[in-house]
Every structure is written in C-alpha cells, then in structure tokens.
Protein backbone atom coordinates (compact mmCIF):
# COMPACT_ATOMS: atom_id res chain seq x y z
CA MET A 1 -14.85 -17.05 2.57
CA ASN A 2 -13.15 -18.46 -0.50
CA GLN A 3 -10.73 -15.67 -1.45
CA THR A 4 -10.27 -14.94 -5.15
CA TYR A 5 -7.24 -13.22 -6.66
CA VAL A 6 -6.41 -10.91 -9.55
CA THR A 7 -2.99 -11.12 -11.21
CA LEU A 8 -1.39 -7.71 -11.64
CA ASN A 9 0.78 -6.66 -14.60
CA ASP A 10 3.91 -7.38 -12.53
CA GLY A 11 2.81 -10.97 -11.83
CA ASN A 12 1.82 -10.44 -8.18
CA LYS A 13 -1.57 -11.81 -7.14
CA ILE A 14 -3.75 -9.46 -5.10
CA PRO A 15 -6.70 -10.77 -3.07
CA GLN A 16 -9.84 -9.44 -4.75
CA PHE A 17 -11.70 -8.73 -1.51
CA GLY A 18 -10.26 -6.63 1.26
CA LEU A 19 -11.02 -4.44 4.21
CA GLY A 20 -10.52 -0.70 3.82
CA VAL A 21 -9.70 0.93 7.14
CA TYR A 22 -10.47 4.53 6.14
CA MET A 23 -12.21 6.37 8.98
CA ILE A 24 -11.55 3.67 11.58
CA PRO A 25 -10.28 5.81 14.44
CA GLY A 26 -7.06 4.74 16.14
CA ASP A 27 -4.82 1.73 16.08
CA GLU A 28 -6.77 -0.38 18.60
CA ASN A 29 -10.04 -0.12 16.67
CA THR A 30 -8.19 -0.76 13.41
CA LYS A 31 -6.46 -3.82 14.86
CA ALA A 32 -9.81 -5.21 16.09
CA ALA A 33 -11.45 -4.65 12.69
CA CYS A 34 -8.54 -6.32 10.88
CA MET A 35 -8.58 -9.30 13.24
CA GLU A 36 -12.32 -9.76 12.58
CA ALA A 37 -11.72 -9.50 8.82
CA PHE A 38 -8.97 -12.13 9.02
CA ARG A 39 -11.30 -14.45 10.94
CA ALA A 40 -13.89 -13.98 8.17
CA GLY A 41 -11.31 -14.99 5.54
CA TYR A 42 -10.17 -11.60 4.25
CA ARG A 43 -6.51 -11.44 3.31
CA HIS A 44 -6.24 -7.86 2.03
CA ILE A 45 -6.09 -4.72 4.15
CA ASP A 46 -6.14 -1.25 2.56
CA THR A 47 -4.74 1.60 4.67
CA ALA A 48 -2.86 4.86 4.11
CA HIS A 49 -0.56 7.21 5.95
CA ALA A 50 -3.38 9.77 5.94
CA TYR A 51 -5.67 7.35 7.83
CA GLN A 52 -3.29 7.34 10.82
CA ASN A 53 -3.89 3.66 11.59
CA GLU A 54 -1.04 1.78 9.89
CA ARG A 55 0.33 0.60 13.26
CA GLY A 56 -2.98 -1.08 14.03
CA VAL A 57 -2.87 -2.92 10.70
CA GLY A 58 0.66 -4.13 11.38
CA GLU A 59 -0.22 -5.30 14.90
CA ALA A 60 -3.18 -7.28 13.57
CA VAL A 61 -1.02 -8.95 10.91
CA LYS A 62 1.50 -10.01 13.55
CA GLU A 63 -1.07 -11.24 16.05
CA SER A 64 -3.29 -13.00 13.51
CA GLY A 65 -1.13 -16.11 13.30
CA ILE A 66 -1.53 -15.99 9.51
CA PRO A 67 1.77 -16.16 7.63
CA ARG A 68 2.78 -12.68 6.43
CA GLU A 69 2.98 -13.81 2.79
CA GLU A 70 -0.72 -14.73 2.90
CA ILE A 71 -1.82 -11.19 3.84
CA TRP A 72 -1.75 -8.38 1.29
CA ILE A 73 -1.20 -4.85 2.60
CA THR A 74 -2.01 -1.84 0.45
CA THR A 75 -1.03 1.60 1.73
CA LYS A 76 -0.77 5.06 0.23
CA LEU A 77 1.63 8.00 0.31
CA TRP A 78 0.23 11.53 0.83
CA PRO A 79 1.35 14.37 -1.53
CA SER A 80 3.35 16.02 1.29
CA GLU A 81 5.59 12.91 1.13
CA TYR A 82 6.23 13.17 -2.62
CA GLY A 83 9.63 14.00 -4.07
CA GLU A 84 12.80 12.18 -4.97
CA GLY A 85 14.66 11.45 -1.73
CA LYS A 86 11.71 12.58 0.37
CA THR A 87 9.57 9.60 -0.66
CA VAL A 88 12.31 7.09 0.25
CA ALA A 89 12.24 8.43 3.82
CA ALA A 90 8.43 8.31 3.86
CA ILE A 91 8.44 4.66 2.75
CA ASP A 92 10.90 3.77 5.50
CA LYS A 93 8.61 5.47 8.04
CA MET A 94 5.62 3.50 6.68
CA LEU A 95 7.58 0.27 7.02
CA SER A 96 8.43 1.22 10.59
CA ARG A 97 4.78 1.94 11.44
CA LEU A 98 3.50 -1.24 9.79
CA ASP A 99 6.44 -3.36 11.00
CA THR A 100 5.56 -6.05 8.44
CA GLY A 101 8.87 -6.31 6.58
CA TYR A 102 7.52 -5.09 3.25
CA ILE A 103 4.51 -3.44 1.62
CA ASP A 104 2.58 -5.44 -0.97
CA LEU A 105 1.11 -2.45 -2.83
CA LEU A 106 2.13 1.17 -2.43
CA LEU A 107 0.01 3.85 -4.09
CA LEU A 108 0.36 7.55 -4.72
CA HIS A 109 -2.81 8.76 -2.98
CA GLN A 110 -3.38 11.92 -5.05
CA GLN A 111 -2.15 13.45 -8.32
CA PHE A 112 -0.67 16.58 -6.72
CA GLY A 113 2.88 17.64 -5.89
CA ASP A 114 6.04 15.95 -7.15
CA TYR A 115 4.47 12.60 -7.98
CA ILE A 116 7.10 11.94 -10.67
CA GLY A 117 9.90 12.21 -8.10
CA ALA A 118 7.86 10.06 -5.72
CA TRP A 119 7.38 7.43 -8.43
CA LYS A 120 11.15 7.25 -8.99
CA ASP A 121 11.62 6.56 -5.26
CA MET A 122 8.84 3.96 -5.33
CA GLU A 123 10.64 2.19 -8.17
CA LYS A 124 13.79 2.18 -6.00
CA ALA A 125 11.76 0.68 -3.13
CA VAL A 126 10.61 -2.13 -5.43
CA ALA A 127 14.24 -2.79 -6.48
CA ALA A 128 15.24 -2.84 -2.78
CA GLY A 129 12.51 -5.37 -1.89
CA LYS A 130 10.68 -2.92 0.39
CA VAL A 131 7.61 -2.84 -1.87
CA ARG A 132 6.24 -5.54 -4.18
CA SER A 133 3.85 -3.57 -6.44
CA ILE A 134 3.27 0.14 -7.07
CA GLY A 135 0.32 2.07 -8.41
CA ILE A 136 -1.74 5.24 -8.29
CA SER A 137 -5.02 6.40 -6.79
CA ASN A 138 -7.22 9.35 -7.76
CA PHE A 139 -5.28 10.20 -10.93
CA GLU A 140 -6.84 11.67 -14.07
CA SER A 141 -5.78 10.54 -17.55
CA GLU A 142 -3.51 13.53 -18.30
CA ARG A 143 -1.47 12.93 -15.13
CA LEU A 144 -1.43 9.18 -15.78
CA GLU A 145 -0.03 9.76 -19.28
CA GLU A 146 2.68 12.02 -17.84
CA LEU A 147 3.60 9.36 -15.27
CA LEU A 148 3.70 6.59 -17.88
CA VAL A 149 6.29 8.55 -19.89
CA ALA A 150 8.57 8.89 -16.83
CA ALA A 151 7.98 5.42 -15.37
CA THR A 152 10.34 2.49 -15.69
CA ILE A 153 7.84 0.30 -13.81
CA LYS A 154 4.29 0.81 -15.09
CA PRO A 155 1.55 1.19 -12.44
CA SER A 156 0.02 -2.11 -11.36
CA VAL A 157 -3.27 -0.47 -10.37
CA LEU A 158 -5.21 2.74 -10.84
C-alpha cells in the first residue's frame, strides 16, 4: 500500500489510512491484527483506553521492526480520566500501557465531564513531549466552541 498523509494544523503529518482496534478483544488479538496491518502497509493504529487493548498495540509496534517514528498511534481518554491533574496521571498510565515513548495523537473521547481541565493537561503533555498532537472525538459544536475559548493549542482533529 502506498500510504498517503494529511498535514494537521500543528504541522504533524498523520497517515490517512489506519486500523481501528475497537472491539478487538484482548492484547494478543490486537497485536496480531496490528502486525497484519503493518505487513499490509498501514502505519496508523487507532486505539483508546476504553478499548482495553493499548498494550497489544504497543507490543505490535515494538515487534514490527518498523521504526517508531514511522508508526502513528492515536488513542483516546475516557471522561472518567478528565480533570486537571487527573488527566496527567491518565496520560502517564497510557504511556506505560503502550510503552512507545510518546503518543502521536491524543483525543478526548467524549464531550462529558471536565474536558476543559483535561485539555489543559493535554496541552501540558504536548509541552512535555509526551504527546505530539491533540484533538477531540464525539463533540458537538457548542462544546467545541467552549473548548476553543479555553484552549491555547487548538484541536488538530475533530
């Protein structure tokens, strides 16, 4: 596969095609699916804390033999992990589960809870080099507008 890329508003280039691992049960099955995707030329894996398979993604990245900087990992925080201070700890746990050094794209999975506090912590994670790009998922326009007012870093994706 000849991978194509989209340049985000922060300058990072995201592979246009990727494998979503939602509903793949367990780390072993996830790892196998990711390895097959890598063999087919995919360089983007989309996971989330809620999917409970981040470890499998990280293991596949390590065992693939593909340089880490050539694989894009998107993952998502769940609303129970939102809140200033709380989200920093959640990001560190994600990094531990993935064991990939950094996250390419971190999303707020839903528009509920303290997503403004979570966004502030995500911005700190970008400044610390833990996360390259940040964005949102499943947000409606009113919540997006509220986030844009509070954000120093504008979302790279919705």
